Protein backbone atom coordinates (compact mmCIF):
# COMPACT_ATOMS: atom_id res chain seq x y z
CA MET A 1 -15.93 78.66 -56.33
CA ALA A 2 -13.08 79.54 -54.85
CA ASN A 3 -11.18 77.31 -56.82
CA LEU A 4 -11.90 78.58 -59.30
CA LEU A 5 -11.28 82.06 -58.36
CA ARG A 6 -7.84 81.24 -57.76
CA LYS A 7 -7.34 79.29 -61.37
CA ILE A 8 -8.46 82.29 -63.12
CA PHE A 9 -6.49 84.75 -61.10
CA VAL A 10 -3.15 82.43 -61.70
CA LEU A 11 -3.86 82.60 -65.39
CA LEU A 12 -4.12 85.92 -65.20
CA ILE A 13 -0.70 86.84 -63.64
CA GLY A 14 1.00 83.94 -65.64
CA LEU A 15 -0.14 85.61 -68.49
CA ILE A 16 0.57 89.17 -67.95
CA VAL A 17 4.08 87.82 -67.06
CA ILE A 18 4.15 86.12 -71.00
CA VAL A 19 3.23 89.20 -72.61
CA PHE A 20 5.91 91.07 -70.45
CA GLY A 21 8.11 88.40 -72.08
CA ILE A 22 6.75 88.73 -75.38
CA ILE A 23 7.60 92.55 -75.25
CA LEU A 24 11.15 92.13 -74.41
CA LEU A 25 11.76 89.70 -77.27
CA PRO A 26 13.52 91.93 -79.17
CA LEU A 27 15.15 94.63 -76.35
CA PRO A 28 17.95 93.24 -74.47
CA GLY A 29 16.54 91.19 -72.08
CA PRO A 30 15.97 87.48 -70.80
CA GLY A 31 12.27 87.20 -72.46
CA LEU A 32 12.32 83.63 -73.53
CA VAL A 33 13.06 83.31 -70.02
CA VAL A 34 10.26 85.52 -68.57
CA ILE A 35 8.20 83.49 -71.02
CA LEU A 36 9.14 80.42 -69.60
CA ALA A 37 8.73 81.79 -66.09
CA GLY A 38 4.98 82.55 -67.00
CA LEU A 39 4.26 79.39 -68.15
CA GLY A 40 5.47 78.00 -64.86
CA ILE A 41 3.20 80.14 -63.16
CA ILE A 42 0.56 78.78 -64.95
CA GLY A 43 1.94 75.37 -64.56
CA ALA A 44 0.99 75.94 -61.06
CA GLU A 45 -2.58 74.78 -61.44
CA PHE A 46 -2.55 73.51 -64.61
CA PRO A 47 -1.05 70.09 -65.05
CA PRO A 48 -0.46 69.90 -68.58
CA VAL A 49 1.35 73.39 -68.88
CA ARG A 50 3.21 71.69 -65.86
CA ARG A 51 4.67 69.37 -68.20
CA TRP A 52 5.56 70.99 -71.42
CA THR A 53 7.01 73.28 -69.33
CA ALA A 54 9.44 71.19 -67.65
CA ARG A 55 10.85 70.04 -71.26
CA LYS A 56 11.04 73.34 -72.45
CA TRP A 57 13.43 74.48 -69.16
CA ALA A 58 14.88 71.08 -69.68
CA GLU A 59 15.83 71.60 -73.65
CA LEU A 60 16.99 75.44 -72.92
CA ARG A 61 19.70 73.73 -70.09
CA GLU A 62 20.69 71.43 -72.78
CA LYS A 63 21.32 73.36 -75.32
CA THR A 64 22.84 76.44 -72.60
CA PRO A 65 25.09 74.23 -70.48
CA LEU A 66 26.85 76.32 -67.24
CA ARG A 67 31.15 76.41 -67.66
CA SER A 68 31.90 75.45 -64.02
CA ASN A 69 35.53 77.30 -65.11
CA PRO A 70 35.51 79.98 -67.97
CA ARG A 71 38.79 81.01 -69.14
CA PRO A 72 38.89 84.72 -69.39
CA PRO A 73 39.68 85.92 -73.06
CA SER A 74 42.86 85.71 -74.55
CA SER A 75 44.68 89.35 -74.51
CA GLN A 76 47.29 88.06 -76.99
């Protein structure tokens, strides 16, 4: 019974975070990252969601590589 309550609690928290991320999508802010974080929370209890979220995080990292030494804009 406690395990079921834990799963329901984690699912509800994850869904709240996802809804917050959906609200952030049209606003300036990290909407997609918040949605993926909500899926990560849900994935803590549901392995299929964890695997899907891991693939999406990898795709996001591929599309937005971080530069180690970005050049400042030229002032010319």
